[in-house]
Amino acid sequence: MKSNYFKEAYIELVQKVTWPSPSSLRSSALVVMVASAIIAIVVLLMDLSFENIMRAIYAQLF
């Protein structure tokens, strides 16, 4: 039973799955890297803004 599963899984991976071309894979990876960098910058700006807001609030209180 297990050998049949592995045999069918192998056949599916070899014959039925369409793998991306190297150029398609490169462009997709580039999109992910750019999106990750943009999100990281947005989170950084939000963090710095929140830090400055909290610093101003604490300066007023104490």
PDB file of N, CA and C in Angstrom:
ATOM      1  N   MET A   1       0.812  -1.195   0.000  1.00  0.00           N
ATOM      2  CA  MET A   1       0.000   0.000   0.000  1.00  0.00           C
ATOM      3  C   MET A   1       0.859   1.264   0.000  1.00  0.00           C
ATOM      4  N   LYS A   2       1.882   1.308   0.869  1.00  0.00           N
ATOM      5  CA  LYS A   2       2.740   2.481   0.923  1.00  0.00           C
ATOM      6  C   LYS A   2       3.552   2.634  -0.362  1.00  0.00           C
ATOM      7  N   SER A   3       4.008   1.528  -0.911  1.00  0.00           N
ATOM      8  CA  SER A   3       4.802   1.617  -2.135  1.00  0.00           C
ATOM      9  C   SER A   3       3.957   2.152  -3.286  1.00  0.00           C
ATOM     10  N   ASN A   4       2.677   1.821  -3.310  1.00  0.00           N
ATOM     11  CA  ASN A   4       1.780   2.333  -4.330  1.00  0.00           C
ATOM     12  C   ASN A   4       1.620   3.847  -4.193  1.00  0.00           C
ATOM     13  N   TYR A   5       1.532   4.323  -2.960  1.00  0.00           N
ATOM     14  CA  TYR A   5       1.404   5.759  -2.707  1.00  0.00           C
ATOM     15  C   TYR A   5       2.625   6.506  -3.232  1.00  0.00           C
ATOM     16  N   PHE A   6       3.817   6.019  -2.877  1.00  0.00           N
ATOM     17  CA  PHE A   6       5.040   6.676  -3.319  1.00  0.00           C
ATOM     18  C   PHE A   6       5.196   6.619  -4.840  1.00  0.00           C
ATOM     19  N   LYS A   7       4.799   5.520  -5.420  1.00  0.00           N
ATOM     20  CA  LYS A   7       4.866   5.368  -6.878  1.00  0.00           C
ATOM     21  C   LYS A   7       3.957   6.391  -7.553  1.00  0.00           C
ATOM     22  N   GLU A   8       2.716   6.526  -7.047  1.00  0.00           N
ATOM     23  CA  GLU A   8       1.777   7.486  -7.620  1.00  0.00           C
ATOM     24  C   GLU A   8       2.224   8.926  -7.380  1.00  0.00           C
ATOM     25  N   ALA A   9       2.793   9.178  -6.211  1.00  0.00           N
ATOM     26  CA  ALA A   9       3.297  10.527  -5.915  1.00  0.00           C
ATOM     27  C   ALA A   9       4.432  10.894  -6.869  1.00  0.00           C
ATOM     28  N   TYR A  10       5.320   9.952  -7.122  1.00  0.00           N
ATOM     29  CA  TYR A  10       6.433  10.191  -8.044  1.00  0.00           C
ATOM     30  C   TYR A  10       5.918  10.458  -9.460  1.00  0.00           C
ATOM     31  N   ILE A  11       4.978   9.656  -9.909  1.00  0.00           N
ATOM     32  CA  ILE A  11       4.417   9.840 -11.255  1.00  0.00           C
ATOM     33  C   ILE A  11       3.751  11.210 -11.371  1.00  0.00           C
ATOM     34  N   GLU A  12       3.038  11.615 -10.320  1.00  0.00           N
ATOM     35  CA  GLU A  12       2.381  12.918 -10.351  1.00  0.00           C
ATOM     36  C   GLU A  12       3.400  14.044 -10.412  1.00  0.00           C
ATOM     37  N   LEU A  13       4.469  13.945  -9.620  1.00  0.00           N
ATOM     38  CA  LEU A  13       5.493  14.989  -9.631  1.00  0.00           C
ATOM     39  C   LEU A  13       6.215  15.070 -10.969  1.00  0.00           C
ATOM     40  N   VAL A  14       6.438  13.942 -11.590  1.00  0.00           N
ATOM     41  CA  VAL A  14       7.197  13.921 -12.844  1.00  0.00           C
ATOM     42  C   VAL A  14       6.331  14.274 -14.052  1.00  0.00           C
ATOM     43  N   GLN A  15       5.098  13.778 -14.091  1.00  0.00           N
ATOM     44  CA  GLN A  15       4.302  13.905 -15.306  1.00  0.00           C
ATOM     45  C   GLN A  15       3.201  14.962 -15.236  1.00  0.00           C
ATOM     46  N   LYS A  16       2.643  15.231 -14.053  1.00  0.00           N
ATOM     47  CA  LYS A  16       1.478  16.094 -13.981  1.00  0.00           C
ATOM     48  C   LYS A  16       1.760  17.504 -13.476  1.00  0.00           C
ATOM     49  N   VAL A  17       2.832  17.688 -12.739  1.00  0.00           N
ATOM     50  CA  VAL A  17       3.142  18.999 -12.178  1.00  0.00           C
ATOM     51  C   VAL A  17       3.862  19.830 -13.221  1.00  0.00           C
ATOM     52  N   THR A  18       3.446  21.081 -13.364  1.00  0.00           N
ATOM     53  CA  THR A  18       4.174  21.995 -14.254  1.00  0.00           C
ATOM     54  C   THR A  18       5.050  22.892 -13.391  1.00  0.00           C
ATOM     55  N   TRP A  19       6.334  22.806 -13.623  1.00  0.00           N
ATOM     56  CA  TRP A  19       7.287  23.572 -12.844  1.00  0.00           C
ATOM     57  C   TRP A  19       7.538  24.910 -13.533  1.00  0.00           C
ATOM     58  N   PRO A  20       7.770  25.978 -12.772  1.00  0.00           N
ATOM     59  CA  PRO A  20       8.019  27.290 -13.389  1.00  0.00           C
ATOM     60  C   PRO A  20       9.373  27.315 -14.093  1.00  0.00           C
ATOM     61  N   SER A  21       9.447  28.149 -15.107  1.00  0.00           N
ATOM     62  CA  SER A  21      10.724  28.305 -15.800  1.00  0.00           C
ATOM     63  C   SER A  21      11.663  29.132 -14.921  1.00  0.00           C
ATOM     64  N   PRO A  22      12.960  29.043 -15.172  1.00  0.00           N
ATOM     65  CA  PRO A  22      13.909  29.817 -14.364  1.00  0.00           C
ATOM     66  C   PRO A  22      13.643  31.327 -14.406  1.00  0.00           C
ATOM     67  N   SER A  23      13.275  31.849 -15.566  1.00  0.00           N
ATOM     68  CA  SER A  23      13.018  33.289 -15.648  1.00  0.00           C
ATOM     69  C   SER A  23      11.753  33.664 -14.874  1.00  0.00           C
ATOM     70  N   SER A  24      10.740  32.821 -14.934  1.00  0.00           N
ATOM     71  CA  SER A  24       9.517  33.064 -14.163  1.00  0.00           C
ATOM     72  C   SER A  24       9.804  32.997 -12.665  1.00  0.00           C
ATOM     73  N   LEU A  25      10.615  32.054 -12.283  1.00  0.00           N
ATOM     74  CA  LEU A  25      10.981  31.907 -10.878  1.00  0.00           C
ATOM     75  C   LEU A  25      11.772  33.119 -10.398  1.00  0.00           C
ATOM     76  N   ARG A  26      12.688  33.623 -11.225  1.00  0.00           N
ATOM     77  CA  ARG A  26      13.471  34.803 -10.884  1.00  0.00           C
ATOM     78  C   ARG A  26      12.583  36.029 -10.706  1.00  0.00           C
ATOM     79  N   SER A  27      11.636  36.219 -11.632  1.00  0.00           N
ATOM     80  CA  SER A  27      10.778  37.396 -11.536  1.00  0.00           C
ATOM     81  C   SER A  27       9.854  37.298 -10.326  1.00  0.00           C
ATOM     82  N   SER A  28       9.371  36.113 -10.015  1.00  0.00           N
ATOM     83  CA  SER A  28       8.536  35.937  -8.825  1.00  0.00           C
ATOM     84  C   SER A  28       9.339  36.203  -7.552  1.00  0.00           C
ATOM     85  N   ALA A  29      10.563  35.732  -7.512  1.00  0.00           N
ATOM     86  CA  ALA A  29      11.414  35.966  -6.351  1.00  0.00           C
ATOM     87  C   ALA A  29      11.699  37.450  -6.182  1.00  0.00           C
ATOM     88  N   LEU A  30      11.891  38.149  -7.290  1.00  0.00           N
ATOM     89  CA  LEU A  30      12.134  39.590  -7.229  1.00  0.00           C
ATOM     90  C   LEU A  30      10.921  40.326  -6.679  1.00  0.00           C
ATOM     91  N   VAL A  31       9.737  39.936  -7.108  1.00  0.00           N
ATOM     92  CA  VAL A  31       8.508  40.555  -6.606  1.00  0.00           C
ATOM     93  C   VAL A  31       8.386  40.344  -5.103  1.00  0.00           C
ATOM     94  N   VAL A  32       8.685  39.139  -4.639  1.00  0.00           N
ATOM     95  CA  VAL A  32       8.600  38.840  -3.209  1.00  0.00           C
ATOM     96  C   VAL A  32       9.620  39.660  -2.423  1.00  0.00           C
ATOM     97  N   MET A  33      10.827  39.788  -2.936  1.00  0.00           N
ATOM     98  CA  MET A  33      11.855  40.568  -2.239  1.00  0.00           C
ATOM     99  C   MET A  33      11.484  42.039  -2.159  1.00  0.00           C
ATOM    100  N   VAL A  34      10.984  42.601  -3.248  1.00  0.00           N
ATOM    101  CA  VAL A  34      10.595  44.018  -3.250  1.00  0.00           C
ATOM    102  C   VAL A  34       9.424  44.242  -2.303  1.00  0.00           C
ATOM    103  N   ALA A  35       8.429  43.374  -2.349  1.00  0.00           N
ATOM    104  CA  ALA A  35       7.279  43.509  -1.452  1.00  0.00           C
ATOM    105  C   ALA A  35       7.713  43.380   0.004  1.00  0.00           C
ATOM    106  N   SER A  36       8.619  42.467   0.295  1.00  0.00           N
ATOM    107  CA  SER A  36       9.116  42.301   1.664  1.00  0.00           C
ATOM    108  C   SER A  36       9.853  43.546   2.132  1.00  0.00           C
ATOM    109  N   ALA A  37      10.652  44.134   1.265  1.00  0.00           N
ATOM    110  CA  ALA A  37      11.379  45.350   1.626  1.00  0.00           C
ATOM    111  C   ALA A  37      10.411  46.506   1.883  1.00  0.00           C
ATOM    112  N   ILE A  38       9.395  46.645   1.051  1.00  0.00           N
ATOM    113  CA  ILE A  38       8.413  47.717   1.240  1.00  0.00           C
ATOM    114  C   ILE A  38       7.668  47.532   2.561  1.00  0.00           C
ATOM    115  N   ILE A  39       7.248  46.321   2.852  1.00  0.00           N
ATOM    116  CA  ILE A  39       6.536  46.062   4.109  1.00  0.00           C
ATOM    117  C   ILE A  39       7.453  46.327   5.303  1.00  0.00           C
ATOM    118  N   ALA A  40       8.715  45.940   5.210  1.00  0.00           N
ATOM    119  CA  ALA A  40       9.662  46.181   6.298  1.00  0.00           C
ATOM    120  C   ALA A  40       9.844  47.681   6.537  1.00  0.00           C
ATOM    121  N   ILE A  41       9.904  48.470   5.468  1.00  0.00           N
ATOM    122  CA  ILE A  41      10.048  49.926   5.611  1.00  0.00           C
ATOM    123  C   ILE A  41       8.804  50.529   6.242  1.00  0.00           C
ATOM    124  N   VAL A  42       7.629  50.062   5.831  1.00  0.00           N
ATOM    125  CA  VAL A  42       6.378  50.568   6.416  1.00  0.00           C
ATOM    126  C   VAL A  42       6.320  50.253   7.903  1.00  0.00           C
ATOM    127  N   VAL A  43       6.684  49.041   8.280  1.00  0.00           N
ATOM    128  CA  VAL A  43       6.677  48.658   9.698  1.00  0.00           C
ATOM    129  C   VAL A  43       7.698  49.483  10.478  1.00  0.00           C
ATOM    130  N   LEU A  44       8.860  49.724   9.907  1.00  0.00           N
ATOM    131  CA  LEU A  44       9.877  50.563  10.550  1.00  0.00           C
ATOM    132  C   LEU A  44       9.344  51.970  10.785  1.00  0.00           C
ATOM    133  N   LEU A  45       8.712  52.546   9.774  1.00  0.00           N
ATOM    134  CA  LEU A  45       8.161  53.896   9.926  1.00  0.00           C
ATOM    135  C   LEU A  45       7.056  53.943  10.981  1.00  0.00           C
ATOM    136  N   MET A  46       6.222  52.935  11.009  1.00  0.00           N
ATOM    137  CA  MET A  46       5.179  52.874  12.034  1.00  0.00           C
ATOM    138  C   MET A  46       5.792  52.766  13.430  1.00  0.00           C
ATOM    139  N   ASP A  47       6.826  51.960  13.573  1.00  0.00           N
ATOM    140  CA  ASP A  47       7.490  51.784  14.853  1.00  0.00           C
ATOM    141  C   ASP A  47       8.140  53.089  15.314  1.00  0.00           C
ATOM    142  N   LEU A  48       8.833  53.759  14.418  1.00  0.00           N
ATOM    143  CA  LEU A  48       9.471  55.023  14.786  1.00  0.00           C
ATOM    144  C   LEU A  48       8.439  56.087  15.142  1.00  0.00           C
ATOM    145  N   SER A  49       7.340  56.122  14.408  1.00  0.00           N
ATOM    146  CA  SER A  49       6.277  57.083  14.716  1.00  0.00           C
ATOM    147  C   SER A  49       5.678  56.808  16.084  1.00  0.00           C
ATOM    148  N   PHE A  50       5.371  55.552  16.366  1.00  0.00           N
ATOM    149  CA  PHE A  50       4.803  55.189  17.659  1.00  0.00           C
ATOM    150  C   PHE A  50       5.778  55.519  18.784  1.00  0.00           C
ATOM    151  N   GLU A  51       7.063  55.282  18.559  1.00  0.00           N
ATOM    152  CA  GLU A  51       8.072  55.611  19.573  1.00  0.00           C
ATOM    153  C   GLU A  51       8.086  57.105  19.861  1.00  0.00           C
ATOM    154  N   ASN A  52       8.033  57.914  18.826  1.00  0.00           N
ATOM    155  CA  ASN A  52       8.045  59.366  19.022  1.00  0.00           C
ATOM    156  C   ASN A  52       6.768  59.854  19.694  1.00  0.00           C
ATOM    157  N   ILE A  53       5.634  59.270  19.325  1.00  0.00           N
ATOM    158  CA  ILE A  53       4.367  59.653  19.965  1.00  0.00           C
ATOM    159  C   ILE A  53       4.396  59.302  21.451  1.00  0.00           C
ATOM    160  N   MET A  54       4.844  58.111  21.772  1.00  0.00           N
ATOM    161  CA  MET A  54       4.908  57.704  23.178  1.00  0.00           C
ATOM    162  C   MET A  54       5.921  58.542  23.954  1.00  0.00           C
ATOM    163  N   ARG A  55       7.007  58.900  23.340  1.00  0.00           N
ATOM    164  CA  ARG A  55       8.014  59.749  23.994  1.00  0.00           C
ATOM    165  C   ARG A  55       7.421  61.121  24.301  1.00  0.00           C
ATOM    166  N   ALA A  56       6.638  61.676  23.388  1.00  0.00           N
ATOM    167  CA  ALA A  56       6.000  62.979  23.606  1.00  0.00           C
ATOM    168  C   ALA A  56       4.942  62.881  24.712  1.00  0.00           C
ATOM    169  N   ILE A  57       4.196  61.803  24.738  1.00  0.00           N
ATOM    170  CA  ILE A  57       3.181  61.620  25.798  1.00  0.00           C
ATOM    171  C   ILE A  57       3.848  61.511  27.161  1.00  0.00           C
ATOM    172  N   TYR A  58       4.910  60.715  27.261  1.00  0.00           N
ATOM    173  CA  TYR A  58       5.619  60.560  28.534  1.00  0.00           C
ATOM    174  C   TYR A  58       6.275  61.879  28.952  1.00  0.00           C
ATOM    175  N   ALA A  59       6.742  62.659  28.008  1.00  0.00           N
ATOM    176  CA  ALA A  59       7.363  63.942  28.351  1.00  0.00           C
ATOM    177  C   ALA A  59       6.322  64.882  28.946  1.00  0.00           C
ATOM    178  N   GLN A  60       5.089  64.822  28.481  1.00  0.00           N
ATOM    179  CA  GLN A  60       4.021  65.662  29.031  1.00  0.00           C
ATOM    180  C   GLN A  60       3.599  65.198  30.422  1.00  0.00           C
ATOM    181  N   LEU A  61       3.617  63.890  30.650  1.00  0.00           N
ATOM    182  CA  LEU A  61       3.159  63.353  31.924  1.00  0.00           C
ATOM    183  C   LEU A  61       4.171  63.495  33.048  1.00  0.00           C
ATOM    184  N   PHE A  62       5.433  63.376  32.742  1.00  0.00           N
ATOM    185  CA  PHE A  62       6.469  63.384  33.797  1.00  0.00           C
ATOM    186  C   PHE A  62       7.361  64.560  33.652  1.00  0.00           C
TER     187      PHE A  62
END
